[in-house]
Amino acid sequence: MALVSSMVKGDNFRSAAAGAPVEADPLADNKCVFPCEQLSDFDAMSAITATPEYTIDLGDGLSLALANSQQQAAARFVVNEIFTHQRYDHPGFAIKPTDTIVDIGANMGIFVLWAARKAPQGKVIAIEPTSAIDVLRLNIERNHLTNVVPIQAAAGNDGGTFEIVTYPGFNIVNHHAAWKPKFWTRVFIKLLYGKYQSAPVTERATVKSLRRMLEENGVDRVNYLKCDCEGGEYEIFRGLDDDTWTRIDKIAMEFHEYTPDQHRSELIEMLNRHGFQVEVHKSWFE
């Protein structure tokens, strides 16, 4: 995963890489700002059973339920990144018990499970446009998380729709139907996880603005924004209004470069323009 980190008015400068979380911290008031990805309301196309037989023990009383055995490889990869390597836990980015966290690209809810436990008196807004939200909702219920609000949408400009390609057997690389991962990323996934892959499925997502979703859920300030939207981050940030930018304290974002008009330099410029310092970390296969 590639990560980009940025901070606004702060000396707690974080780092990030393309395709991974971007973190931002402000300079003056200890807050980090970074826009979210494009949200879209989505017609879920696959249901899961109420009692799936595939679960992963996350420790501390948490467990991750999966829709099928094929999802275990992708799920364990992300669990290792978030729970073992603490990918989203950096100096200056600790989640406080009363924090409000927004997860753009929540997928099955692995980051949500990690963050919700850290903010028991706070709130987690979990945004996911694909049918993976069915597994997310199940995990919210099974772990008795009363501080999580799931939203089936893609972040962006209100009123739009687009098609998303999902991979039921390896659903952490879902992407806009017009894009595809880079060659070496595809090779890496094929070599390590090819046996878990199944035929891709195309789903349709409806787009909502981040501002609208925050207002509909009574959120005035976002203490921590996590964004992993497989290329949607560019449209999200391009269309983010100044008022919404100022509501965000910390950001951990993955960025992706699927098309010629998607390059980290644009994200860095937008962050700098809003007072952020930025570091980028990028894996060789991305």
C-alpha atoms as a PDB file:
ATOM      1  CA  MET A   1       0.000   0.000   0.000  1.00  0.00           C
ATOM      2  CA  ALA A   2       1.206   3.504  -0.772  1.00  0.00           C
ATOM      3  CA  LEU A   3       0.803   6.220   1.818  1.00  0.00           C
ATOM      4  CA  VAL A   4       0.691   9.982   1.881  1.00  0.00           C
ATOM      5  CA  SER A   5       0.938  11.951   5.094  1.00  0.00           C
ATOM      6  CA  SER A   6       0.317  15.612   5.584  1.00  0.00           C
ATOM      7  CA  MET A   7      -0.142  18.034   8.436  1.00  0.00           C
ATOM      8  CA  VAL A   8      -1.522  21.496   8.711  1.00  0.00           C
ATOM      9  CA  LYS A   9      -0.016  23.928  11.221  1.00  0.00           C
ATOM     10  CA  GLY A  10       1.689  21.280  13.180  1.00  0.00           C
ATOM     11  CA  ASP A  11       5.059  19.893  14.009  1.00  0.00           C
ATOM     12  CA  ASN A  12       3.774  16.352  14.149  1.00  0.00           C
ATOM     13  CA  PHE A  13       4.376  15.744  10.468  1.00  0.00           C
ATOM     14  CA  ARG A  14       3.122  12.357   9.217  1.00  0.00           C
ATOM     15  CA  SER A  15       4.005  10.389   6.128  1.00  0.00           C
ATOM     16  CA  ALA A  16       1.971   8.611   3.489  1.00  0.00           C
ATOM     17  CA  ALA A  17       2.299   6.666   0.286  1.00  0.00           C
ATOM     18  CA  ALA A  18       0.475   6.412  -3.000  1.00  0.00           C
ATOM     19  CA  GLY A  19      -2.374   3.996  -2.600  1.00  0.00           C
ATOM     20  CA  ALA A  20      -2.248   4.045   1.185  1.00  0.00           C
ATOM     21  CA  PRO A  21      -3.355   6.255   4.065  1.00  0.00           C
ATOM     22  CA  VAL A  22      -2.651   9.955   4.021  1.00  0.00           C
ATOM     23  CA  GLU A  23      -2.314  11.663   7.347  1.00  0.00           C
ATOM     24  CA  ALA A  24      -2.511  15.320   8.078  1.00  0.00           C
ATOM     25  CA  ASP A  25      -1.846  17.403  11.203  1.00  0.00           C
ATOM     26  CA  PRO A  26      -2.450  21.157  11.513  1.00  0.00           C
ATOM     27  CA  LEU A  27       0.259  23.492  12.660  1.00  0.00           C
ATOM     28  CA  ALA A  28      -1.495  25.704  15.107  1.00  0.00           C
ATOM     29  CA  ASP A  29      -4.248  23.713  16.725  1.00  0.00           C
ATOM     30  CA  ASN A  30      -3.033  20.143  16.564  1.00  0.00           C
ATOM     31  CA  LYS A  31      -5.450  19.188  13.856  1.00  0.00           C
ATOM     32  CA  CYS A  32      -4.872  17.433  10.570  1.00  0.00           C
ATOM     33  CA  VAL A  33      -6.889  18.090   7.456  1.00  0.00           C
ATOM     34  CA  PHE A  34      -7.366  15.952   4.370  1.00  0.00           C
ATOM     35  CA  PRO A  35     -10.340  15.485   2.036  1.00  0.00           C
ATOM     36  CA  CYS A  36     -12.252  12.269   1.636  1.00  0.00           C
ATOM     37  CA  GLU A  37     -12.935  10.162  -1.405  1.00  0.00           C
ATOM     38  CA  GLN A  38     -15.909  10.196  -3.691  1.00  0.00           C
ATOM     39  CA  LEU A  39     -18.983   8.692  -2.027  1.00  0.00           C
ATOM     40  CA  SER A  40     -21.847   7.125  -3.874  1.00  0.00           C
ATOM     41  CA  ASP A  41     -25.049   5.418  -2.826  1.00  0.00           C
ATOM     42  CA  PHE A  42     -24.882   1.930  -4.106  1.00  0.00           C
ATOM     43  CA  ASP A  43     -27.330  -0.839  -4.999  1.00  0.00           C
ATOM     44  CA  ALA A  44     -25.873  -3.832  -3.189  1.00  0.00           C
ATOM     45  CA  MET A  45     -25.817  -6.846  -5.444  1.00  0.00           C
ATOM     46  CA  SER A  46     -24.930  -9.685  -3.119  1.00  0.00           C
ATOM     47  CA  ALA A  47     -26.392 -10.601   0.258  1.00  0.00           C
ATOM     48  CA  ILE A  48     -24.620 -12.555   2.955  1.00  0.00           C
ATOM     49  CA  THR A  49     -26.034 -14.994   5.424  1.00  0.00           C
ATOM     50  CA  ALA A  50     -26.917 -13.828   8.904  1.00  0.00           C
ATOM     51  CA  THR A  51     -24.517 -16.301  10.460  1.00  0.00           C
ATOM     52  CA  PRO A  52     -21.387 -16.689   8.307  1.00  0.00           C
ATOM     53  CA  GLU A  53     -19.097 -19.550   9.296  1.00  0.00           C
ATOM     54  CA  TYR A  54     -15.891 -17.696   8.475  1.00  0.00           C
ATOM     55  CA  THR A  55     -14.472 -15.416  11.168  1.00  0.00           C
ATOM     56  CA  ILE A  56     -11.079 -14.045  12.159  1.00  0.00           C
ATOM     57  CA  ASP A  57     -10.290 -13.431  15.826  1.00  0.00           C
ATOM     58  CA  LEU A  58      -8.953  -9.874  16.227  1.00  0.00           C
ATOM     59  CA  GLY A  59      -8.323 -10.103  19.953  1.00  0.00           C
ATOM     60  CA  ASP A  60      -9.727  -7.926  22.736  1.00  0.00           C
ATOM     61  CA  GLY A  61     -13.171  -9.412  22.205  1.00  0.00           C
ATOM     62  CA  LEU A  62     -13.371  -8.389  18.535  1.00  0.00           C
ATOM     63  CA  SER A  63     -13.927 -10.701  15.585  1.00  0.00           C
ATOM     64  CA  LEU A  64     -14.203 -10.173  11.829  1.00  0.00           C
ATOM     65  CA  ALA A  65     -17.005 -12.037  10.077  1.00  0.00           C
ATOM     66  CA  LEU A  66     -16.590 -12.836   6.376  1.00  0.00           C
ATOM     67  CA  ALA A  67     -19.093 -13.723   3.675  1.00  0.00           C
ATOM     68  CA  ASN A  68     -17.099 -16.694   2.362  1.00  0.00           C
ATOM     69  CA  SER A  69     -13.778 -18.503   2.709  1.00  0.00           C
ATOM     70  CA  GLN A  70     -12.356 -16.752  -0.371  1.00  0.00           C
ATOM     71  CA  GLN A  71     -12.290 -13.443   1.510  1.00  0.00           C
ATOM     72  CA  GLN A  72      -9.913 -14.764   4.170  1.00  0.00           C
ATOM     73  CA  ALA A  73      -6.680 -13.979   2.264  1.00  0.00           C
ATOM     74  CA  ALA A  74      -7.581 -10.348   1.596  1.00  0.00           C
ATOM     75  CA  ALA A  75      -8.999  -9.928   5.088  1.00  0.00           C
ATOM     76  CA  ARG A  76      -5.898 -11.327   6.796  1.00  0.00           C
ATOM     77  CA  PHE A  77      -3.683  -9.042   4.708  1.00  0.00           C
ATOM     78  CA  VAL A  78      -5.595  -5.954   5.881  1.00  0.00           C
ATOM     79  CA  VAL A  79      -5.892  -7.207   9.464  1.00  0.00           C
ATOM     80  CA  ASN A  80      -2.123  -7.590   9.531  1.00  0.00           C
ATOM     81  CA  GLU A  81      -1.667  -4.035   8.212  1.00  0.00           C
ATOM     82  CA  ILE A  82      -4.090  -2.423  10.667  1.00  0.00           C
ATOM     83  CA  PHE A  83      -4.019  -4.539  13.829  1.00  0.00           C
ATOM     84  CA  THR A  84      -0.499  -5.974  13.761  1.00  0.00           C
ATOM     85  CA  HIS A  85       1.544  -3.240  12.083  1.00  0.00           C
ATOM     86  CA  GLN A  86      -0.737  -0.446  13.354  1.00  0.00           C
ATOM     87  CA  ARG A  87      -0.670   1.278   9.968  1.00  0.00           C
ATOM     88  CA  TYR A  88      -3.050   4.022  11.072  1.00  0.00           C
ATOM     89  CA  ASP A  89      -1.572   4.634  14.505  1.00  0.00           C
ATOM     90  CA  HIS A  90       1.196   7.252  14.265  1.00  0.00           C
ATOM     91  CA  PRO A  91       2.577   9.860  16.677  1.00  0.00           C
ATOM     92  CA  GLY A  92       0.084  12.699  16.810  1.00  0.00           C
ATOM     93  CA  PHE A  93      -2.688  10.577  15.307  1.00  0.00           C
ATOM     94  CA  ALA A  94      -3.872   8.713  18.374  1.00  0.00           C
ATOM     95  CA  ILE A  95      -7.649   8.310  18.477  1.00  0.00           C
ATOM     96  CA  LYS A  96      -9.223   9.707  21.632  1.00  0.00           C
ATOM     97  CA  PRO A  97     -12.281   8.138  23.335  1.00  0.00           C
ATOM     98  CA  THR A  98     -14.613  10.959  22.202  1.00  0.00           C
ATOM     99  CA  ASP A  99     -13.267  11.401  18.665  1.00  0.00           C
ATOM    100  CA  THR A 100     -15.328  11.396  15.496  1.00  0.00           C
ATOM    101  CA  ILE A 101     -13.747   9.269  12.774  1.00  0.00           C
ATOM    102  CA  VAL A 102     -14.765   9.117   9.114  1.00  0.00           C
ATOM    103  CA  ASP A 103     -13.780   6.065   7.080  1.00  0.00           C
ATOM    104  CA  ILE A 104     -14.114   6.586   3.326  1.00  0.00           C
ATOM    105  CA  GLY A 105     -13.845   3.205   1.690  1.00  0.00           C
ATOM    106  CA  ALA A 106     -14.765   1.168   4.762  1.00  0.00           C
ATOM    107  CA  ASN A 107     -15.056  -2.121   2.848  1.00  0.00           C
ATOM    108  CA  MET A 108     -15.714  -5.047   5.248  1.00  0.00           C
ATOM    109  CA  GLY A 109     -15.064  -2.850   8.279  1.00  0.00           C
ATOM    110  CA  ILE A 110     -11.577  -3.834   9.459  1.00  0.00           C
ATOM    111  CA  PHE A 111     -10.457  -0.240  10.106  1.00  0.00           C
ATOM    112  CA  VAL A 112     -13.910   0.474  11.556  1.00  0.00           C
ATOM    113  CA  LEU A 113     -13.482  -2.314  14.131  1.00  0.00           C
ATOM    114  CA  TRP A 114     -10.043  -0.989  15.043  1.00  0.00           C
ATOM    115  CA  ALA A 115     -11.170   2.644  15.343  1.00  0.00           C
ATOM    116  CA  ALA A 116     -14.559   2.119  16.996  1.00  0.00           C
ATOM    117  CA  ARG A 117     -13.010   0.358  19.963  1.00  0.00           C
ATOM    118  CA  LYS A 118     -10.664   3.324  20.494  1.00  0.00           C
ATOM    119  CA  ALA A 119     -13.520   5.883  20.479  1.00  0.00           C
ATOM    120  CA  PRO A 120     -16.257   4.314  22.649  1.00  0.00           C
ATOM    121  CA  GLN A 121     -17.810   7.711  23.429  1.00  0.00           C
ATOM    122  CA  GLY A 122     -17.226   8.996  19.915  1.00  0.00           C
ATOM    123  CA  LYS A 123     -18.589   8.117  16.492  1.00  0.00           C
ATOM    124  CA  VAL A 124     -17.374   6.328  13.366  1.00  0.00           C
ATOM    125  CA  ILE A 125     -18.967   7.237  10.036  1.00  0.00           C
ATOM    126  CA  ALA A 126     -18.271   4.264   7.746  1.00  0.00           C
ATOM    127  CA  ILE A 127     -18.716   5.038   4.047  1.00  0.00           C
ATOM    128  CA  GLU A 128     -18.717   2.163   1.561  1.00  0.00           C
ATOM    129  CA  PRO A 129     -20.330   2.140  -1.914  1.00  0.00           C
ATOM    130  CA  THR A 130     -20.134  -1.590  -2.729  1.00  0.00           C
ATOM    131  CA  SER A 131     -21.934  -4.693  -1.507  1.00  0.00           C
ATOM    132  CA  ALA A 132     -19.076  -5.172   0.971  1.00  0.00           C
ATOM    133  CA  ILE A 133     -21.229  -2.983   3.203  1.00  0.00           C
ATOM    134  CA  ASP A 134     -23.315  -6.094   3.935  1.00  0.00           C
ATOM    135  CA  VAL A 135     -20.311  -7.639   5.687  1.00  0.00           C
ATOM    136  CA  LEU A 136     -19.552  -4.300   7.358  1.00  0.00           C
ATOM    137  CA  ARG A 137     -23.059  -4.115   8.809  1.00  0.00           C
ATOM    138  CA  LEU A 138     -22.815  -7.680  10.040  1.00  0.00           C
ATOM    139  CA  ASN A 139     -19.535  -6.913  11.794  1.00  0.00           C
ATOM    140  CA  ILE A 140     -21.045  -3.851  13.440  1.00  0.00           C
ATOM    141  CA  GLU A 141     -23.895  -6.010  14.753  1.00  0.00           C
ATOM    142  CA  ARG A 142     -21.783  -8.983  15.826  1.00  0.00           C
ATOM    143  CA  ASN A 143     -19.327  -6.805  17.730  1.00  0.00           C
ATOM    144  CA  HIS A 144     -22.136  -4.797  19.352  1.00  0.00           C
ATOM    145  CA  LEU A 145     -20.770  -1.485  18.078  1.00  0.00           C
ATOM    146  CA  THR A 146     -23.302   1.220  18.862  1.00  0.00           C
ATOM    147  CA  ASN A 147     -21.023   4.098  17.809  1.00  0.00           C
ATOM    148  CA  VAL A 148     -20.764   3.218  14.084  1.00  0.00           C
ATOM    149  CA  VAL A 149     -22.968   4.668  11.343  1.00  0.00           C
ATOM    150  CA  PRO A 150     -22.698   2.823   7.991  1.00  0.00           C
ATOM    151  CA  ILE A 151     -23.456   4.778   4.815  1.00  0.00           C
ATOM    152  CA  GLN A 152     -23.770   3.071   1.443  1.00  0.00           C
ATOM    153  CA  ALA A 153     -22.406   5.722  -0.870  1.00  0.00           C
ATOM    154  CA  ALA A 154     -19.333   6.991  -2.678  1.00  0.00           C
ATOM    155  CA  ALA A 155     -17.924  10.404  -1.786  1.00  0.00           C
ATOM    156  CA  GLY A 156     -17.857  13.092  -4.455  1.00  0.00           C
ATOM    157  CA  ASN A 157     -20.274  15.489  -6.092  1.00  0.00           C
ATOM    158  CA  ASP A 158     -23.948  15.010  -5.224  1.00  0.00           C
ATOM    159  CA  GLY A 159     -26.181  13.332  -7.767  1.00  0.00           C
ATOM    160  CA  GLY A 160     -23.712  11.376  -9.874  1.00  0.00           C
ATOM    161  CA  THR A 161     -23.454   7.628 -10.385  1.00  0.00           C
ATOM    162  CA  PHE A 162     -20.703   5.343 -11.660  1.00  0.00           C
ATOM    163  CA  GLU A 163     -19.870   1.677 -12.026  1.00  0.00           C
ATOM    164  CA  ILE A 164     -17.460  -0.092  -9.668  1.00  0.00           C
ATOM    165  CA  VAL A 165     -15.684  -3.346 -10.444  1.00  0.00           C
ATOM    166  CA  THR A 166     -15.561  -5.591  -7.386  1.00  0.00           C
ATOM    167  CA  TYR A 167     -13.665  -8.833  -6.837  1.00  0.00           C
ATOM    168  CA  PRO A 168     -15.637 -11.158  -4.527  1.00  0.00           C
ATOM    169  CA  GLY A 169     -12.574 -13.310  -3.854  1.00  0.00           C
ATOM    170  CA  PHE A 170     -10.159 -10.422  -3.208  1.00  0.00           C
ATOM    171  CA  ASN A 171     -12.312  -7.385  -2.581  1.00  0.00           C
ATOM    172  CA  ILE A 172      -9.670  -4.939  -1.352  1.00  0.00           C
ATOM    173  CA  VAL A 173      -8.832  -3.749  -4.882  1.00  0.00           C
ATOM    174  CA  ASN A 174     -12.340  -2.733  -6.002  1.00  0.00           C
ATOM    175  CA  HIS A 175     -12.162   0.222  -8.395  1.00  0.00           C
ATOM    176  CA  HIS A 176     -13.988   2.479 -10.846  1.00  0.00           C
ATOM    177  CA  ALA A 177     -14.960   0.497 -13.956  1.00  0.00           C
ATOM    178  CA  ALA A 178     -12.901   2.852 -16.149  1.00  0.00           C
ATOM    179  CA  TRP A 179      -9.665   2.201 -14.212  1.00  0.00           C
ATOM    180  CA  LYS A 180      -7.498  -0.755 -13.325  1.00  0.00           C
ATOM    181  CA  PRO A 181      -4.525  -1.305 -10.991  1.00  0.00           C
ATOM    182  CA  LYS A 182      -1.038  -0.910 -12.386  1.00  0.00           C
ATOM    183  CA  PHE A 183       0.647  -3.866 -14.078  1.00  0.00           C
ATOM    184  CA  TRP A 184       3.019  -4.798 -11.237  1.00  0.00           C
ATOM    185  CA  THR A 185       0.238  -4.500  -8.675  1.00  0.00           C
ATOM    186  CA  ARG A 186      -1.849  -6.948 -10.702  1.00  0.00           C
ATOM    187  CA  VAL A 187       1.094  -9.332 -11.042  1.00  0.00           C
ATOM    188  CA  PHE A 188       1.805  -9.172  -7.296  1.00  0.00           C
ATOM    189  CA  ILE A 189      -1.818  -9.933  -6.422  1.00  0.00           C
ATOM    190  CA  LYS A 190      -2.016 -12.700  -9.017  1.00  0.00           C
ATOM    191  CA  LEU A 191       1.098 -14.440  -7.708  1.00  0.00           C
ATOM    192  CA  LEU A 192       0.187 -14.259  -4.033  1.00  0.00           C
ATOM    193  CA  TYR A 193      -3.589 -14.416  -4.101  1.00  0.00           C
ATOM    194  CA  GLY A 194      -4.575 -15.734  -7.528  1.00  0.00           C
ATOM    195  CA  LYS A 195      -6.236 -18.844  -6.150  1.00  0.00           C
ATOM    196  CA  TYR A 196      -8.659 -16.729  -4.129  1.00  0.00           C
ATOM    197  CA  GLN A 197      -9.854 -14.627  -7.052  1.00  0.00           C
ATOM    198  CA  SER A 198     -13.196 -15.104  -8.768  1.00  0.00           C
ATOM    199  CA  ALA A 199     -14.919 -13.420 -11.678  1.00  0.00           C
ATOM    200  CA  PRO A 200     -15.295  -9.644 -11.146  1.00  0.00           C
ATOM    201  CA  VAL A 201     -18.724  -8.157 -10.587  1.00  0.00           C
ATOM    202  CA  THR A 202     -19.803  -4.680 -11.694  1.00  0.00           C
ATOM    203  CA  GLU A 203     -21.928  -2.677  -9.265  1.00  0.00           C
ATOM    204  CA  ARG A 204     -23.422   0.812  -9.544  1.00  0.00           C
ATOM    205  CA  ALA A 205     -22.796   3.495  -6.933  1.00  0.00           C
ATOM    206  CA  THR A 206     -24.579   6.794  -6.272  1.00  0.00           C
ATOM    207  CA  VAL A 207     -22.425   9.729  -5.241  1.00  0.00           C
ATOM    208  CA  LYS A 208     -22.914  11.980  -2.221  1.00  0.00           C
ATOM    209  CA  SER A 209     -20.773  14.893  -1.116  1.00  0.00           C
ATOM    210  CA  LEU A 210     -18.780  14.491   2.060  1.00  0.00           C
ATOM    211  CA  ARG A 211     -20.308  17.717   3.354  1.00  0.00           C
ATOM    212  CA  ARG A 212     -23.817  16.331   2.904  1.00  0.00           C
ATOM    213  CA  MET A 213     -22.986  13.100   4.710  1.00  0.00           C
ATOM    214  CA  LEU A 214     -21.422  14.974   7.601  1.00  0.00           C
ATOM    215  CA  GLU A 215     -24.404  17.297   7.930  1.00  0.00           C
ATOM    216  CA  GLU A 216     -26.933  14.457   7.697  1.00  0.00           C
ATOM    217  CA  ASN A 217     -25.185  12.783  10.617  1.00  0.00           C
ATOM    218  CA  GLY A 218     -24.671  15.874  12.758  1.00  0.00           C
ATOM    219  CA  VAL A 219     -20.884  15.937  12.377  1.00  0.00           C
ATOM    220  CA  ASP A 220     -19.295  19.373  12.828  1.00  0.00           C
ATOM    221  CA  ARG A 221     -15.709  18.184  13.204  1.00  0.00           C
ATOM    222  CA  VAL A 222     -13.818  15.168  11.910  1.00  0.00           C
ATOM    223  CA  ASN A 223     -10.985  14.322  14.296  1.00  0.00           C
ATOM    224  CA  TYR A 224      -9.608  11.564  12.073  1.00  0.00           C
ATOM    225  CA  LEU A 225     -10.287  10.953   8.394  1.00  0.00           C
ATOM    226  CA  LYS A 226      -9.203   7.674   6.808  1.00  0.00           C
ATOM    227  CA  CYS A 227      -9.509   7.554   3.023  1.00  0.00           C
ATOM    228  CA  ASP A 228      -8.943   4.499   0.822  1.00  0.00           C
ATOM    229  CA  CYS A 229     -11.077   4.901  -2.272  1.00  0.00           C
ATOM    230  CA  GLU A 230      -9.005   3.355  -5.057  1.00  0.00           C
ATOM    231  CA  GLY A 231      -8.500   6.492  -7.161  1.00  0.00           C
ATOM    232  CA  GLY A 232     -11.646   8.327  -6.048  1.00  0.00           C
ATOM    233  CA  GLU A 233      -9.563  10.578  -3.787  1.00  0.00           C
ATOM    234  CA  TYR A 234      -8.756  12.957  -6.642  1.00  0.00           C
ATOM    235  CA  GLU A 235     -12.378  13.851  -7.394  1.00  0.00           C
ATOM    236  CA  ILE A 236     -13.158  14.024  -3.687  1.00  0.00           C
ATOM    237  CA  PHE A 237     -10.437  16.553  -2.977  1.00  0.00           C
ATOM    238  CA  ARG A 238     -10.956  18.514  -6.187  1.00  0.00           C
ATOM    239  CA  GLY A 239     -14.584  19.112  -5.253  1.00  0.00           C
ATOM    240  CA  LEU A 240     -14.177  19.598  -1.510  1.00  0.00           C
ATOM    241  CA  ASP A 241     -15.399  23.012  -0.360  1.00  0.00           C
ATOM    242  CA  ASP A 242     -13.269  25.190   1.925  1.00  0.00           C
ATOM    243  CA  ASP A 243     -15.634  24.833   4.879  1.00  0.00           C
ATOM    244  CA  THR A 244     -15.415  21.038   4.825  1.00  0.00           C
ATOM    245  CA  TRP A 245     -11.623  21.183   4.596  1.00  0.00           C
ATOM    246  CA  THR A 246     -11.531  23.197   7.809  1.00  0.00           C
ATOM    247  CA  ARG A 247     -13.638  20.619   9.661  1.00  0.00           C
ATOM    248  CA  ILE A 248     -11.006  17.884   9.356  1.00  0.00           C
ATOM    249  CA  ASP A 249      -8.220  17.473  11.909  1.00  0.00           C
ATOM    250  CA  LYS A 250      -6.225  14.377  10.956  1.00  0.00           C
ATOM    251  CA  ILE A 251      -6.080  12.415   7.712  1.00  0.00           C
ATOM    252  CA  ALA A 252      -4.699   9.020   6.789  1.00  0.00           C
ATOM    253  CA  MET A 253      -5.181   8.364   3.092  1.00  0.00           C
ATOM    254  CA  GLU A 254      -4.235   5.886   0.437  1.00  0.00           C
ATOM    255  CA  PHE A 255      -3.757   7.369  -2.998  1.00  0.00           C
ATOM    256  CA  HIS A 256      -3.699   5.598  -6.349  1.00  0.00           C
ATOM    257  CA  GLU A 257      -2.452   6.521  -9.818  1.00  0.00           C
ATOM    258  CA  TYR A 258      -4.603   4.574 -12.267  1.00  0.00           C
ATOM    259  CA  THR A 259      -4.911   7.164 -15.055  1.00  0.00           C
ATOM    260  CA  PRO A 260      -2.668   9.899 -16.549  1.00  0.00           C
ATOM    261  CA  ASP A 261      -4.583  12.633 -14.702  1.00  0.00           C
ATOM    262  CA  GLN A 262      -4.065  10.946 -11.321  1.00  0.00           C
ATOM    263  CA  HIS A 263      -0.748  11.855  -9.768  1.00  0.00           C
ATOM    264  CA  ARG A 264       0.293  12.371  -6.174  1.00  0.00           C
ATOM    265  CA  SER A 265       1.681  15.811  -7.041  1.00  0.00           C
ATOM    266  CA  GLU A 266      -1.867  17.133  -7.372  1.00  0.00           C
ATOM    267  CA  LEU A 267      -2.832  15.795  -3.956  1.00  0.00           C
ATOM    268  CA  ILE A 268       0.312  17.256  -2.440  1.00  0.00           C
ATOM    269  CA  GLU A 269      -0.420  20.640  -4.030  1.00  0.00           C
ATOM    270  CA  MET A 270      -3.975  20.649  -2.672  1.00  0.00           C
ATOM    271  CA  LEU A 271      -2.770  19.733   0.798  1.00  0.00           C
ATOM    272  CA  ASN A 272      -0.042  22.361   0.730  1.00  0.00           C
ATOM    273  CA  ARG A 273      -2.529  24.953  -0.448  1.00  0.00           C
ATOM    274  CA  HIS A 274      -4.628  24.209   2.616  1.00  0.00           C
ATOM    275  CA  GLY A 275      -1.661  24.511   4.947  1.00  0.00           C
ATOM    276  CA  PHE A 276      -0.384  20.939   5.044  1.00  0.00           C
ATOM    277  CA  GLN A 277       3.091  19.552   4.968  1.00  0.00           C
ATOM    278  CA  VAL A 278       3.222  16.219   3.161  1.00  0.00           C
ATOM    279  CA  GLU A 279       5.322  13.066   3.100  1.00  0.00           C
ATOM    280  CA  VAL A 280       4.799  10.256   0.609  1.00  0.00           C
ATOM    281  CA  HIS A 281       5.728   6.583   0.927  1.00  0.00           C
ATOM    282  CA  LYS A 282       5.226   4.269  -2.016  1.00  0.00           C
ATOM    283  CA  SER A 283       5.759   0.502  -2.276  1.00  0.00           C
ATOM    284  CA  TRP A 284       7.838  -0.774  -5.199  1.00  0.00           C
ATOM    285  CA  PHE A 285       4.944  -2.721  -6.752  1.00  0.00           C
ATOM    286  CA  GLU A 286       2.680   0.335  -6.801  1.00  0.00           C
END
